[in-house]
Amino acid sequence: MRSVPRLIVYFPLLLALGLSLSACVARLAPNYDKAIADGLVTASQQLMTHFAATSSGTAASSFAQRDATYSSIIGSLDALALQAKSRPTPKSSVGNKVNEYLAKRGITISDTGDVPSAVALEQISITLTKMRDVDKKQGVTAFEVAAFKGQVVIYLDQALTYENFLEREGL
């Protein structure tokens, strides 16, 4: 009697192993969260509206009219940053390739495992807080508004790009 080739004997085992391994997906980034993406869109609209309203400069004497707007936007940004940070971020060697792609788009990846959109949101909050403090103390010139806006747009682009990447990749 002829012996059965080993491959045929082990085929069911190899098939089961292959199927179980294919179900394992390495996570490279936190899960996409529609609430964060929607919050980013809303925050960007609020920010651009605020910059448009202050684009010709402001006077410290009228700061009280803008104080609630600053507080609302800064609070929203801080809440979004907290939400973005709270998503678990897995560690993976394959993640380096994702980081390289994002770095080409200008998104700085921290070695501490920080979520890029959370870091960007924190930077936007810091920038808008500085603008608020200057506005309260002495008002802001049109040039200063443009400078603050330019800084915010850079970080906002990074946050939106990262969150859109998560959605597009189905992460």
C-alpha atoms as a PDB file:
ATOM      1  CA  MET A   1       0.000   0.000   0.000  1.00  0.00           C
ATOM      2  CA  ARG A   2       1.262   3.398  -0.945  1.00  0.00           C
ATOM      3  CA  SER A   3       1.837   6.027   1.715  1.00  0.00           C
ATOM      4  CA  VAL A   4      -0.216   9.204   1.546  1.00  0.00           C
ATOM      5  CA  PRO A   5       1.899  12.282   0.830  1.00  0.00           C
ATOM      6  CA  ARG A   6       2.413  14.385   3.922  1.00  0.00           C
ATOM      7  CA  LEU A   7       0.917  17.470   2.290  1.00  0.00           C
ATOM      8  CA  ILE A   8      -2.437  15.769   1.944  1.00  0.00           C
ATOM      9  CA  VAL A   9      -2.356  14.668   5.583  1.00  0.00           C
ATOM     10  CA  TYR A  10      -1.479  18.128   6.838  1.00  0.00           C
ATOM     11  CA  PHE A  11      -3.633  20.044   4.354  1.00  0.00           C
ATOM     12  CA  PRO A  12      -6.649  20.463   6.694  1.00  0.00           C
ATOM     13  CA  LEU A  13      -4.344  21.692   9.458  1.00  0.00           C
ATOM     14  CA  LEU A  14      -2.561  24.133   7.136  1.00  0.00           C
ATOM     15  CA  LEU A  15      -5.894  25.393   5.787  1.00  0.00           C
ATOM     16  CA  ALA A  16      -7.240  25.982   9.302  1.00  0.00           C
ATOM     17  CA  LEU A  17      -4.024  27.763  10.298  1.00  0.00           C
ATOM     18  CA  GLY A  18      -4.117  29.934   7.173  1.00  0.00           C
ATOM     19  CA  LEU A  19      -7.720  30.922   7.757  1.00  0.00           C
ATOM     20  CA  SER A  20      -7.110  31.773  11.396  1.00  0.00           C
ATOM     21  CA  LEU A  21      -4.072  33.895  10.531  1.00  0.00           C
ATOM     22  CA  SER A  22      -5.939  35.734   7.798  1.00  0.00           C
ATOM     23  CA  ALA A  23      -8.479  36.807  10.404  1.00  0.00           C
ATOM     24  CA  CYS A  24      -5.698  38.514  12.370  1.00  0.00           C
ATOM     25  CA  VAL A  25      -5.275  42.063  11.177  1.00  0.00           C
ATOM     26  CA  ALA A  26      -2.416  44.171  12.442  1.00  0.00           C
ATOM     27  CA  ARG A  27      -3.689  47.538  13.599  1.00  0.00           C
ATOM     28  CA  LEU A  28      -1.410  50.387  12.593  1.00  0.00           C
ATOM     29  CA  ALA A  29      -3.410  53.302  13.881  1.00  0.00           C
ATOM     30  CA  PRO A  30      -6.363  54.043  16.109  1.00  0.00           C
ATOM     31  CA  ASN A  31      -9.834  53.284  14.825  1.00  0.00           C
ATOM     32  CA  TYR A  32     -11.586  55.885  12.715  1.00  0.00           C
ATOM     33  CA  ASP A  33     -14.167  57.769  14.749  1.00  0.00           C
ATOM     34  CA  LYS A  34     -16.827  59.630  12.766  1.00  0.00           C
ATOM     35  CA  ALA A  35     -17.605  61.855  15.759  1.00  0.00           C
ATOM     36  CA  ILE A  36     -14.018  63.138  15.762  1.00  0.00           C
ATOM     37  CA  ALA A  37     -14.041  63.700  11.991  1.00  0.00           C
ATOM     38  CA  ASP A  38     -17.374  65.541  12.209  1.00  0.00           C
ATOM     39  CA  GLY A  39     -16.090  67.582  15.142  1.00  0.00           C
ATOM     40  CA  LEU A  40     -13.039  68.558  13.105  1.00  0.00           C
ATOM     41  CA  VAL A  41     -15.240  69.770  10.253  1.00  0.00           C
ATOM     42  CA  THR A  42     -17.353  71.827  12.658  1.00  0.00           C
ATOM     43  CA  ALA A  43     -14.287  73.239  14.418  1.00  0.00           C
ATOM     44  CA  SER A  44     -12.692  74.199  11.089  1.00  0.00           C
ATOM     45  CA  GLN A  45     -15.863  76.073  10.102  1.00  0.00           C
ATOM     46  CA  GLN A  46     -15.920  77.887  13.454  1.00  0.00           C
ATOM     47  CA  LEU A  47     -12.239  78.757  13.169  1.00  0.00           C
ATOM     48  CA  MET A  48     -12.510  80.107   9.635  1.00  0.00           C
ATOM     49  CA  THR A  49     -15.613  82.118  10.574  1.00  0.00           C
ATOM     50  CA  HIS A  50     -13.723  83.585  13.532  1.00  0.00           C
ATOM     51  CA  PHE A  51     -10.719  84.453  11.387  1.00  0.00           C
ATOM     52  CA  ALA A  52     -12.997  86.074   8.808  1.00  0.00           C
ATOM     53  CA  ALA A  53     -14.686  88.148  11.515  1.00  0.00           C
ATOM     54  CA  THR A  54     -11.341  89.365  12.870  1.00  0.00           C
ATOM     55  CA  SER A  55      -9.427  89.599   9.582  1.00  0.00           C
ATOM     56  CA  SER A  56      -9.269  93.387   9.532  1.00  0.00           C
ATOM     57  CA  GLY A  57      -7.943  93.514  13.084  1.00  0.00           C
ATOM     58  CA  THR A  58      -9.535  94.103  16.473  1.00  0.00           C
ATOM     59  CA  ALA A  59      -9.394  96.495  19.399  1.00  0.00           C
ATOM     60  CA  ALA A  60      -8.922  95.382  22.996  1.00  0.00           C
ATOM     61  CA  SER A  61     -11.913  97.519  23.949  1.00  0.00           C
ATOM     62  CA  SER A  62     -14.254  95.230  22.005  1.00  0.00           C
ATOM     63  CA  PHE A  63     -12.737  91.954  23.252  1.00  0.00           C
ATOM     64  CA  ALA A  64     -15.799  91.110  25.364  1.00  0.00           C
ATOM     65  CA  GLN A  65     -17.740  90.614  22.107  1.00  0.00           C
ATOM     66  CA  ARG A  66     -15.309  87.867  21.031  1.00  0.00           C
ATOM     67  CA  ASP A  67     -14.535  86.248  24.384  1.00  0.00           C
ATOM     68  CA  ALA A  68     -17.358  83.674  24.217  1.00  0.00           C
ATOM     69  CA  THR A  69     -16.348  82.711  20.670  1.00  0.00           C
ATOM     70  CA  TYR A  70     -12.760  82.096  21.740  1.00  0.00           C
ATOM     71  CA  SER A  71     -13.911  80.013  24.724  1.00  0.00           C
ATOM     72  CA  SER A  72     -16.314  77.952  22.624  1.00  0.00           C
ATOM     73  CA  ILE A  73     -13.770  77.139  19.933  1.00  0.00           C
ATOM     74  CA  ILE A  74     -10.909  76.427  22.357  1.00  0.00           C
ATOM     75  CA  GLY A  75     -13.170  74.186  24.453  1.00  0.00           C
ATOM     76  CA  SER A  76     -14.283  72.270  21.349  1.00  0.00           C
ATOM     77  CA  LEU A  77     -10.674  71.804  20.222  1.00  0.00           C
ATOM     78  CA  ASP A  78      -9.578  70.553  23.632  1.00  0.00           C
ATOM     79  CA  ALA A  79     -12.495  68.099  23.765  1.00  0.00           C
ATOM     80  CA  LEU A  80     -11.671  66.791  20.278  1.00  0.00           C
ATOM     81  CA  ALA A  81      -7.993  66.373  21.225  1.00  0.00           C
ATOM     82  CA  LEU A  82      -9.018  64.396  24.289  1.00  0.00           C
ATOM     83  CA  GLN A  83     -11.305  62.168  22.208  1.00  0.00           C
ATOM     84  CA  ALA A  84      -8.583  61.594  19.626  1.00  0.00           C
ATOM     85  CA  LYS A  85      -6.026  60.736  22.332  1.00  0.00           C
ATOM     86  CA  SER A  86      -8.350  58.307  24.065  1.00  0.00           C
ATOM     87  CA  ARG A  87      -8.365  55.878  21.141  1.00  0.00           C
ATOM     88  CA  PRO A  88      -5.875  53.069  21.685  1.00  0.00           C
ATOM     89  CA  THR A  89      -2.947  53.158  19.272  1.00  0.00           C
ATOM     90  CA  PRO A  90      -1.340  49.771  18.682  1.00  0.00           C
ATOM     91  CA  LYS A  91       2.400  49.405  18.258  1.00  0.00           C
ATOM     92  CA  SER A  92       3.546  47.736  15.046  1.00  0.00           C
ATOM     93  CA  SER A  93       6.703  47.646  12.958  1.00  0.00           C
ATOM     94  CA  VAL A  94       4.513  48.018   9.870  1.00  0.00           C
ATOM     95  CA  GLY A  95       3.369  51.325  11.340  1.00  0.00           C
ATOM     96  CA  ASN A  96       6.650  52.848  10.192  1.00  0.00           C
ATOM     97  CA  LYS A  97       5.426  52.711   6.595  1.00  0.00           C
ATOM     98  CA  VAL A  98       2.244  54.527   7.550  1.00  0.00           C
ATOM     99  CA  ASN A  99       4.312  57.092   9.436  1.00  0.00           C
ATOM    100  CA  GLU A 100       6.506  57.644   6.368  1.00  0.00           C
ATOM    101  CA  TYR A 101       3.437  58.276   4.206  1.00  0.00           C
ATOM    102  CA  LEU A 102       2.015  60.726   6.731  1.00  0.00           C
ATOM    103  CA  ALA A 103       5.390  62.472   7.123  1.00  0.00           C
ATOM    104  CA  LYS A 104       5.363  63.160   3.360  1.00  0.00           C
ATOM    105  CA  ARG A 105       2.038  64.947   3.913  1.00  0.00           C
ATOM    106  CA  GLY A 106       3.629  67.081   6.633  1.00  0.00           C
ATOM    107  CA  ILE A 107       2.160  65.166   9.556  1.00  0.00           C
ATOM    108  CA  THR A 108       4.785  64.780  12.231  1.00  0.00           C
ATOM    109  CA  ILE A 109       4.655  61.449  13.996  1.00  0.00           C
ATOM    110  CA  SER A 110       5.758  61.487  17.610  1.00  0.00           C
ATOM    111  CA  ASP A 111       7.978  58.723  18.954  1.00  0.00           C
ATOM    112  CA  THR A 112       5.778  58.683  22.066  1.00  0.00           C
ATOM    113  CA  GLY A 113       2.883  57.114  20.175  1.00  0.00           C
ATOM    114  CA  ASP A 114       0.787  60.278  20.233  1.00  0.00           C
ATOM    115  CA  VAL A 115      -2.063  60.408  17.745  1.00  0.00           C
ATOM    116  CA  PRO A 116      -1.111  63.010  15.089  1.00  0.00           C
ATOM    117  CA  SER A 117      -4.584  64.549  14.925  1.00  0.00           C
ATOM    118  CA  ALA A 118      -4.622  64.972  18.723  1.00  0.00           C
ATOM    119  CA  VAL A 119      -1.224  66.688  18.645  1.00  0.00           C
ATOM    120  CA  ALA A 120      -2.400  68.979  15.840  1.00  0.00           C
ATOM    121  CA  LEU A 121      -5.604  69.829  17.721  1.00  0.00           C
ATOM    122  CA  GLU A 122      -3.591  70.692  20.821  1.00  0.00           C
ATOM    123  CA  GLN A 123      -1.377  72.990  18.742  1.00  0.00           C
ATOM    124  CA  ILE A 124      -4.439  74.706  17.256  1.00  0.00           C
ATOM    125  CA  SER A 125      -5.778  75.260  20.769  1.00  0.00           C
ATOM    126  CA  ILE A 126      -2.443  76.697  21.919  1.00  0.00           C
ATOM    127  CA  THR A 127      -2.319  79.018  18.909  1.00  0.00           C
ATOM    128  CA  LEU A 128      -5.886  80.248  19.371  1.00  0.00           C
ATOM    129  CA  THR A 129      -5.254  80.744  23.097  1.00  0.00           C
ATOM    130  CA  LYS A 130      -2.253  82.951  22.248  1.00  0.00           C
ATOM    131  CA  MET A 131      -4.404  84.907  19.807  1.00  0.00           C
ATOM    132  CA  ARG A 132      -7.082  85.343  22.482  1.00  0.00           C
ATOM    133  CA  ASP A 133      -4.528  86.577  25.025  1.00  0.00           C
ATOM    134  CA  VAL A 134      -3.060  89.120  22.602  1.00  0.00           C
ATOM    135  CA  ASP A 135      -6.539  90.199  21.518  1.00  0.00           C
ATOM    136  CA  LYS A 136      -7.605  90.720  25.142  1.00  0.00           C
ATOM    137  CA  LYS A 137      -4.467  92.662  26.053  1.00  0.00           C
ATOM    138  CA  GLN A 138      -4.079  94.956  23.046  1.00  0.00           C
ATOM    139  CA  GLY A 139      -6.221  93.764  20.151  1.00  0.00           C
ATOM    140  CA  VAL A 140      -4.774  92.088  17.068  1.00  0.00           C
ATOM    141  CA  THR A 141      -3.726  93.631  13.783  1.00  0.00           C
ATOM    142  CA  ALA A 142      -4.813  92.260  10.422  1.00  0.00           C
ATOM    143  CA  PHE A 143      -1.262  90.971   9.950  1.00  0.00           C
ATOM    144  CA  GLU A 144      -1.348  89.142  13.300  1.00  0.00           C
ATOM    145  CA  VAL A 145      -4.716  87.563  12.459  1.00  0.00           C
ATOM    146  CA  ALA A 146      -3.266  86.331   9.162  1.00  0.00           C
ATOM    147  CA  ALA A 147      -0.248  84.873  10.983  1.00  0.00           C
ATOM    148  CA  PHE A 148      -2.401  83.081  13.561  1.00  0.00           C
ATOM    149  CA  LYS A 149      -4.663  81.802  10.799  1.00  0.00           C
ATOM    150  CA  GLY A 150      -1.689  80.512   8.801  1.00  0.00           C
ATOM    151  CA  GLN A 151      -0.444  78.531  11.791  1.00  0.00           C
ATOM    152  CA  VAL A 152      -3.918  77.125  12.505  1.00  0.00           C
ATOM    153  CA  VAL A 153      -4.442  76.118   8.864  1.00  0.00           C
ATOM    154  CA  ILE A 154      -1.222  74.060   8.897  1.00  0.00           C
ATOM    155  CA  TYR A 155      -2.286  72.110  11.979  1.00  0.00           C
ATOM    156  CA  LEU A 156      -5.891  71.827  10.838  1.00  0.00           C
ATOM    157  CA  ASP A 157      -4.727  70.328   7.541  1.00  0.00           C
ATOM    158  CA  GLN A 158      -2.655  67.784   9.466  1.00  0.00           C
ATOM    159  CA  ALA A 159      -5.569  66.763  11.690  1.00  0.00           C
ATOM    160  CA  LEU A 160      -8.021  66.491   8.799  1.00  0.00           C
ATOM    161  CA  THR A 161      -5.520  64.561   6.668  1.00  0.00           C
ATOM    162  CA  TYR A 162      -4.847  62.047   9.429  1.00  0.00           C
ATOM    163  CA  GLU A 163      -8.524  61.471  10.235  1.00  0.00           C
ATOM    164  CA  ASN A 164      -9.393  61.196   6.527  1.00  0.00           C
ATOM    165  CA  PHE A 165      -6.552  58.670   6.167  1.00  0.00           C
ATOM    166  CA  LEU A 166      -8.075  56.547   8.932  1.00  0.00           C
ATOM    167  CA  GLU A 167     -11.465  56.648   7.241  1.00  0.00           C
ATOM    168  CA  ARG A 168     -10.106  55.938   3.763  1.00  0.00           C
ATOM    169  CA  GLU A 169      -8.018  53.004   4.918  1.00  0.00           C
ATOM    170  CA  GLY A 170     -10.887  51.588   6.947  1.00  0.00           C
ATOM    171  CA  LEU A 171      -8.878  51.734  10.145  1.00  0.00           C
END
